[in-house]
Structure formats: C-alpha cells, structure tokens
Amino acid sequence: MATYARSDAVDVRISASADASHSPEQLVEAAATVVLASVGKYVWGRDGDTWPLVLGRELAARGWTVALVEAGTAGAAMRLLGDAPWLVSSRLLAPAETNAAIAALAGRARDAAGATVGLAVRAIESGEDTQVEVAVSGPFGARETRQTAFLGGTEGRRRAGIAAAAFLHATVRDAPAAE
C-alpha cells in the first residue's frame, strides 16, 4: 500500500502479488476492506474518479443541478468542478455581495439560476490561514459549515474550493436519491 498526494486528494494505492491460496485481486480487496474501515468516511472516489464525476453521479441519481457562488476564492471551486453539465451557473461575488449569511448566498444562487441546489463558499484570510465558510441549500433545507484551511494565499483558496466540493458531496450523498 502507498499514498500519493494530489492537488485535490490523497490517493491510496493497493497492489498485491498472488500467494499460494489467494489471487492478487482477493488480496487487494481484503486490504481495501481494512483501509476503508479506517478512513472510509473520508473516501469520496475510487480508481479514476474526479470531483466532477463523483458529484455528477450523486446529483444525477437525484435529478439535481447546482448553482455555485464564490467569494475570496479567486474561482477555486469553479476550477475544481470545471464545466460539469450539472453545474448550471457559477460566478464570483463582488465584494458588495458578500456580506450576507453564507446560507442566504447559497439560497440566492439556487433561486437565481433555477437550480435544485445552491452552493456558496467564502474564504477569508486570517493570519497565515484561511477561514472557509460553505453552505448548501436545496430540497433538504440549508446546511453550512465553517473550517480552517491551514494555509493562506493561493493554497488556502485552493483548499477552500476542495472544502466546498467535499461539503457538497457529503450533503448530497446523505440526501435521498430519486425513486
């Protein structure tokens, strides 16, 4: 087993060679079970998954679309999510637009774009770190979180974008899929 740091995640790679009683696939699956028991709540994808693909699967299962607004991130979430078909609107907020509560910003984004879900992220530099606020507003109501991205500048803004994607994923994953 080995770990590899990427800009948006840490990959855990498991490989094996056959032994007398198990194929490599069986050994890899057994090791993956052990790893997932320890870190499974942090796992958002497997194999070649990307944030847009994983979020797209979750959103498609519910028939949902997303509108995104960002403040203080220099577009970090937009760059991470790219031109995903489920992202129907994305924009950077002007400074005068950022004073509202983060959940209200998510709700406004959803309403303005006619999306099912609104996602708002705001990054505020605080010394050497970045404070990140994220909200998701949708059929399930509004949910928000605050956390520290333990770096400032470009890296703090990039981490704010990842925090937004991760919170959107957790929120949508916990919502019921369409019947």
C-alpha atoms as a PDB file:
ATOM      1  CA  MET A   1       0.000   0.000   0.000  1.00  0.00           C
ATOM      2  CA  ALA A   2       1.228   3.502  -0.815  1.00  0.00           C
ATOM      3  CA  THR A   3      -0.158   7.008  -0.571  1.00  0.00           C
ATOM      4  CA  TYR A   4       0.250   9.698  -3.211  1.00  0.00           C
ATOM      5  CA  ALA A   5      -0.595  13.355  -2.654  1.00  0.00           C
ATOM      6  CA  ARG A   6      -2.520  15.103  -5.429  1.00  0.00           C
ATOM      7  CA  SER A   7      -3.642  18.693  -5.502  1.00  0.00           C
ATOM      8  CA  ASP A   8      -7.253  17.753  -4.664  1.00  0.00           C
ATOM      9  CA  ALA A   9      -6.896  14.488  -2.710  1.00  0.00           C
ATOM     10  CA  VAL A  10      -4.605  11.797  -1.389  1.00  0.00           C
ATOM     11  CA  ASP A  11      -4.620   8.562  -3.347  1.00  0.00           C
ATOM     12  CA  VAL A  12      -4.228   5.277  -1.508  1.00  0.00           C
ATOM     13  CA  ARG A  13      -2.976   2.624  -3.897  1.00  0.00           C
ATOM     14  CA  ILE A  14      -3.037  -1.040  -3.023  1.00  0.00           C
ATOM     15  CA  SER A  15      -1.248  -3.724  -5.008  1.00  0.00           C
ATOM     16  CA  ALA A  16      -0.525  -7.376  -4.359  1.00  0.00           C
ATOM     17  CA  SER A  17       1.077 -10.471  -5.775  1.00  0.00           C
ATOM     18  CA  ALA A  18      -0.638 -13.828  -5.643  1.00  0.00           C
ATOM     19  CA  ASP A  19       0.247 -16.231  -2.899  1.00  0.00           C
ATOM     20  CA  ALA A  20      -0.470 -19.959  -2.678  1.00  0.00           C
ATOM     21  CA  SER A  21      -4.129 -19.531  -1.764  1.00  0.00           C
ATOM     22  CA  HIS A  22      -5.197 -16.043  -2.939  1.00  0.00           C
ATOM     23  CA  SER A  23      -5.252 -14.168  -6.213  1.00  0.00           C
ATOM     24  CA  PRO A  24      -3.896 -10.602  -6.343  1.00  0.00           C
ATOM     25  CA  GLU A  25      -7.468  -9.346  -6.678  1.00  0.00           C
ATOM     26  CA  GLN A  26      -8.536 -11.157  -3.498  1.00  0.00           C
ATOM     27  CA  LEU A  27      -5.582  -9.736  -1.569  1.00  0.00           C
ATOM     28  CA  VAL A  28      -6.229  -6.213  -2.835  1.00  0.00           C
ATOM     29  CA  GLU A  29      -9.905  -6.441  -1.909  1.00  0.00           C
ATOM     30  CA  ALA A  30      -9.064  -7.707   1.589  1.00  0.00           C
ATOM     31  CA  ALA A  31      -6.584  -4.850   2.088  1.00  0.00           C
ATOM     32  CA  ALA A  32      -9.105  -2.316   0.733  1.00  0.00           C
ATOM     33  CA  THR A  33     -11.656  -3.540   3.293  1.00  0.00           C
ATOM     34  CA  VAL A  34      -9.200  -2.861   6.112  1.00  0.00           C
ATOM     35  CA  VAL A  35      -8.260   0.572   4.750  1.00  0.00           C
ATOM     36  CA  LEU A  36     -11.895   1.592   4.232  1.00  0.00           C
ATOM     37  CA  ALA A  37     -12.747   0.551   7.785  1.00  0.00           C
ATOM     38  CA  SER A  38     -10.224   3.129   8.995  1.00  0.00           C
ATOM     39  CA  VAL A  39     -10.652   6.019   6.557  1.00  0.00           C
ATOM     40  CA  GLY A  40     -13.879   5.256   4.705  1.00  0.00           C
ATOM     41  CA  LYS A  41     -15.712   8.381   5.841  1.00  0.00           C
ATOM     42  CA  TYR A  42     -13.083  10.456   4.027  1.00  0.00           C
ATOM     43  CA  VAL A  43     -13.209   8.472   0.780  1.00  0.00           C
ATOM     44  CA  TRP A  44     -15.084  10.213  -1.995  1.00  0.00           C
ATOM     45  CA  GLY A  45     -13.992   8.228  -5.031  1.00  0.00           C
ATOM     46  CA  ARG A  46     -12.193   5.204  -6.411  1.00  0.00           C
ATOM     47  CA  ASP A  47      -9.991   4.443  -9.377  1.00  0.00           C
ATOM     48  CA  GLY A  48     -10.142   7.329 -11.892  1.00  0.00           C
ATOM     49  CA  ASP A  49     -12.828   9.330 -10.106  1.00  0.00           C
ATOM     50  CA  THR A  50     -12.671  13.118 -10.073  1.00  0.00           C
ATOM     51  CA  TRP A  51     -14.764  15.587  -8.104  1.00  0.00           C
ATOM     52  CA  PRO A  52     -16.971  16.409 -11.130  1.00  0.00           C
ATOM     53  CA  LEU A  53     -17.590  12.706 -11.881  1.00  0.00           C
ATOM     54  CA  VAL A  54     -18.381  11.704  -8.298  1.00  0.00           C
ATOM     55  CA  LEU A  55     -20.624  14.703  -7.709  1.00  0.00           C
ATOM     56  CA  GLY A  56     -22.246  14.130 -11.096  1.00  0.00           C
ATOM     57  CA  ARG A  57     -23.223  10.563 -10.165  1.00  0.00           C
ATOM     58  CA  GLU A  58     -24.731  11.656  -6.854  1.00  0.00           C
ATOM     59  CA  LEU A  59     -26.588  14.577  -8.424  1.00  0.00           C
ATOM     60  CA  ALA A  60     -27.823  12.546 -11.417  1.00  0.00           C
ATOM     61  CA  ALA A  61     -29.270   9.911  -9.061  1.00  0.00           C
ATOM     62  CA  ARG A  62     -31.481  12.685  -7.684  1.00  0.00           C
ATOM     63  CA  GLY A  63     -32.044  14.648 -10.899  1.00  0.00           C
ATOM     64  CA  TRP A  64     -30.434  17.725  -9.345  1.00  0.00           C
ATOM     65  CA  THR A  65     -28.408  20.641 -10.720  1.00  0.00           C
ATOM     66  CA  VAL A  66     -26.128  23.084  -8.881  1.00  0.00           C
ATOM     67  CA  ALA A  67     -25.536  26.833  -8.914  1.00  0.00           C
ATOM     68  CA  LEU A  68     -22.255  27.987  -7.356  1.00  0.00           C
ATOM     69  CA  VAL A  69     -21.162  31.339  -5.950  1.00  0.00           C
ATOM     70  CA  GLU A  70     -17.743  32.100  -4.502  1.00  0.00           C
ATOM     71  CA  ALA A  71     -16.166  34.936  -2.572  1.00  0.00           C
ATOM     72  CA  GLY A  72     -12.496  35.296  -1.699  1.00  0.00           C
ATOM     73  CA  THR A  73     -11.519  32.111  -3.530  1.00  0.00           C
ATOM     74  CA  ALA A  74     -10.347  33.518  -6.868  1.00  0.00           C
ATOM     75  CA  GLY A  75     -12.572  30.890  -8.523  1.00  0.00           C
ATOM     76  CA  ALA A  76     -11.007  27.830  -6.858  1.00  0.00           C
ATOM     77  CA  ALA A  77     -14.239  25.813  -6.766  1.00  0.00           C
ATOM     78  CA  MET A  78     -15.020  26.717 -10.383  1.00  0.00           C
ATOM     79  CA  ARG A  79     -11.597  25.453 -11.473  1.00  0.00           C
ATOM     80  CA  LEU A  80     -12.017  22.245  -9.475  1.00  0.00           C
ATOM     81  CA  LEU A  81     -15.501  21.479 -10.811  1.00  0.00           C
ATOM     82  CA  GLY A  82     -14.799  22.590 -14.375  1.00  0.00           C
ATOM     83  CA  ASP A  83     -17.564  22.559 -16.939  1.00  0.00           C
ATOM     84  CA  ALA A  84     -19.605  19.755 -15.392  1.00  0.00           C
ATOM     85  CA  PRO A  85     -23.052  19.552 -17.024  1.00  0.00           C
ATOM     86  CA  TRP A  86     -24.778  19.590 -13.632  1.00  0.00           C
ATOM     87  CA  LEU A  87     -23.144  22.954 -12.757  1.00  0.00           C
ATOM     88  CA  VAL A  88     -25.679  25.262 -14.385  1.00  0.00           C
ATOM     89  CA  SER A  89     -24.271  28.512 -13.014  1.00  0.00           C
ATOM     90  CA  SER A  90     -21.045  29.635 -11.372  1.00  0.00           C
ATOM     91  CA  ARG A  91     -19.878  33.102 -10.528  1.00  0.00           C
ATOM     92  CA  LEU A  92     -17.578  35.105  -8.326  1.00  0.00           C
ATOM     93  CA  LEU A  93     -19.315  37.503  -5.999  1.00  0.00           C
ATOM     94  CA  ALA A  94     -18.431  41.183  -5.946  1.00  0.00           C
ATOM     95  CA  PRO A  95     -17.294  42.446  -2.514  1.00  0.00           C
ATOM     96  CA  ALA A  96     -20.588  44.293  -2.009  1.00  0.00           C
ATOM     97  CA  GLU A  97     -22.480  40.981  -2.428  1.00  0.00           C
ATOM     98  CA  THR A  98     -20.589  39.019   0.217  1.00  0.00           C
ATOM     99  CA  ASN A  99     -21.969  40.466   3.454  1.00  0.00           C
ATOM    100  CA  ALA A 100     -24.987  38.141   3.662  1.00  0.00           C
ATOM    101  CA  ALA A 101     -25.005  34.940   5.685  1.00  0.00           C
ATOM    102  CA  ILE A 102     -23.421  32.094   3.749  1.00  0.00           C
ATOM    103  CA  ALA A 103     -26.666  30.037   3.706  1.00  0.00           C
ATOM    104  CA  ALA A 104     -28.521  33.027   2.232  1.00  0.00           C
ATOM    105  CA  LEU A 105     -25.901  33.281  -0.529  1.00  0.00           C
ATOM    106  CA  ALA A 106     -26.417  29.603  -1.395  1.00  0.00           C
ATOM    107  CA  GLY A 107     -30.192  30.067  -1.494  1.00  0.00           C
ATOM    108  CA  ARG A 108     -29.919  33.137  -3.706  1.00  0.00           C
ATOM    109  CA  ALA A 109     -27.598  31.310  -6.122  1.00  0.00           C
ATOM    110  CA  ARG A 110     -30.069  28.420  -6.373  1.00  0.00           C
ATOM    111  CA  ASP A 111     -33.042  30.705  -6.932  1.00  0.00           C
ATOM    112  CA  ALA A 112     -31.320  32.988  -9.454  1.00  0.00           C
ATOM    113  CA  ALA A 113     -30.163  30.064 -11.614  1.00  0.00           C
ATOM    114  CA  GLY A 114     -33.241  27.893 -11.231  1.00  0.00           C
ATOM    115  CA  ALA A 115     -31.015  25.099  -9.922  1.00  0.00           C
ATOM    116  CA  THR A 116     -32.047  22.423  -7.446  1.00  0.00           C
ATOM    117  CA  VAL A 117     -29.085  23.118  -5.172  1.00  0.00           C
ATOM    118  CA  GLY A 118     -27.172  26.276  -4.341  1.00  0.00           C
ATOM    119  CA  LEU A 119     -23.529  26.075  -3.220  1.00  0.00           C
ATOM    120  CA  ALA A 120     -21.769  29.071  -1.674  1.00  0.00           C
ATOM    121  CA  VAL A 121     -18.175  29.257  -0.489  1.00  0.00           C
ATOM    122  CA  ARG A 122     -16.435  32.197   1.137  1.00  0.00           C
ATOM    123  CA  ALA A 123     -12.732  32.282   2.015  1.00  0.00           C
ATOM    124  CA  ILE A 124     -11.326  34.851   4.405  1.00  0.00           C
ATOM    125  CA  GLU A 125      -7.594  35.100   5.034  1.00  0.00           C
ATOM    126  CA  SER A 126      -6.839  35.068   8.747  1.00  0.00           C
ATOM    127  CA  GLY A 127      -3.158  35.443   9.500  1.00  0.00           C
ATOM    128  CA  GLU A 128      -1.328  32.544   7.909  1.00  0.00           C
ATOM    129  CA  ASP A 129      -4.527  30.515   7.476  1.00  0.00           C
ATOM    130  CA  THR A 130      -7.777  30.830   5.565  1.00  0.00           C
ATOM    131  CA  GLN A 131     -11.194  30.629   7.205  1.00  0.00           C
ATOM    132  CA  VAL A 132     -13.693  28.861   4.961  1.00  0.00           C
ATOM    133  CA  GLU A 133     -17.476  29.063   5.100  1.00  0.00           C
ATOM    134  CA  VAL A 134     -19.551  26.749   2.910  1.00  0.00           C
ATOM    135  CA  ALA A 135     -23.314  26.390   2.576  1.00  0.00           C
ATOM    136  CA  VAL A 136     -25.539  24.136   0.508  1.00  0.00           C
ATOM    137  CA  SER A 137     -29.210  24.966   0.021  1.00  0.00           C
ATOM    138  CA  GLY A 138     -31.657  22.602  -1.631  1.00  0.00           C
ATOM    139  CA  PRO A 139     -34.729  20.401  -1.215  1.00  0.00           C
ATOM    140  CA  PHE A 140     -33.316  19.211   2.131  1.00  0.00           C
ATOM    141  CA  GLY A 141     -33.071  22.766   3.529  1.00  0.00           C
ATOM    142  CA  ALA A 142     -29.858  24.665   4.148  1.00  0.00           C
ATOM    143  CA  ARG A 143     -26.688  23.249   5.688  1.00  0.00           C
ATOM    144  CA  GLU A 144     -23.469  25.075   6.414  1.00  0.00           C
ATOM    145  CA  THR A 145     -20.021  24.513   7.831  1.00  0.00           C
ATOM    146  CA  ARG A 146     -17.011  26.553   8.847  1.00  0.00           C
ATOM    147  CA  GLN A 147     -13.436  25.319   8.918  1.00  0.00           C
ATOM    148  CA  THR A 148      -9.842  26.418   8.720  1.00  0.00           C
ATOM    149  CA  ALA A 149      -7.723  25.782   5.643  1.00  0.00           C
ATOM    150  CA  PHE A 150      -4.310  25.594   7.236  1.00  0.00           C
ATOM    151  CA  LEU A 151      -2.584  27.876   4.779  1.00  0.00           C
ATOM    152  CA  GLY A 152      -3.233  31.279   3.322  1.00  0.00           C
ATOM    153  CA  GLY A 153      -2.853  32.727  -0.145  1.00  0.00           C
ATOM    154  CA  THR A 154      -3.277  30.621  -3.242  1.00  0.00           C
ATOM    155  CA  GLU A 155      -3.089  27.338  -1.335  1.00  0.00           C
ATOM    156  CA  GLY A 156      -5.716  28.441   1.182  1.00  0.00           C
ATOM    157  CA  ARG A 157      -8.052  29.455  -1.641  1.00  0.00           C
ATOM    158  CA  ARG A 158      -7.489  26.125  -3.407  1.00  0.00           C
ATOM    159  CA  ARG A 159      -8.293  24.288  -0.190  1.00  0.00           C
ATOM    160  CA  ALA A 160     -11.470  26.368   0.155  1.00  0.00           C
ATOM    161  CA  GLY A 161     -12.590  25.051  -3.246  1.00  0.00           C
ATOM    162  CA  ILE A 162     -11.921  21.477  -2.141  1.00  0.00           C
ATOM    163  CA  ALA A 163     -13.816  22.098   1.109  1.00  0.00           C
ATOM    164  CA  ALA A 164     -16.802  23.297  -0.938  1.00  0.00           C
ATOM    165  CA  ALA A 165     -16.750  20.178  -3.140  1.00  0.00           C
ATOM    166  CA  ALA A 166     -16.396  17.888  -0.121  1.00  0.00           C
ATOM    167  CA  PHE A 167     -19.271  19.539   1.750  1.00  0.00           C
ATOM    168  CA  LEU A 168     -21.497  19.414  -1.328  1.00  0.00           C
ATOM    169  CA  HIS A 169     -20.640  15.729  -1.735  1.00  0.00           C
ATOM    170  CA  ALA A 170     -21.399  14.869   1.903  1.00  0.00           C
ATOM    171  CA  THR A 171     -24.664  16.812   1.834  1.00  0.00           C
ATOM    172  CA  VAL A 172     -25.921  15.319  -1.432  1.00  0.00           C
ATOM    173  CA  ARG A 173     -24.738  11.798  -0.556  1.00  0.00           C
ATOM    174  CA  ASP A 174     -26.819  11.914   2.632  1.00  0.00           C
ATOM    175  CA  ALA A 175     -29.952  13.113   0.793  1.00  0.00           C
ATOM    176  CA  PRO A 176     -32.378  10.500  -0.562  1.00  0.00           C
ATOM    177  CA  ALA A 177     -31.961   9.515  -4.211  1.00  0.00           C
ATOM    178  CA  ALA A 178     -34.884   9.856  -6.617  1.00  0.00           C
ATOM    179  CA  GLU A 179     -37.275   6.927  -6.723  1.00  0.00           C
END
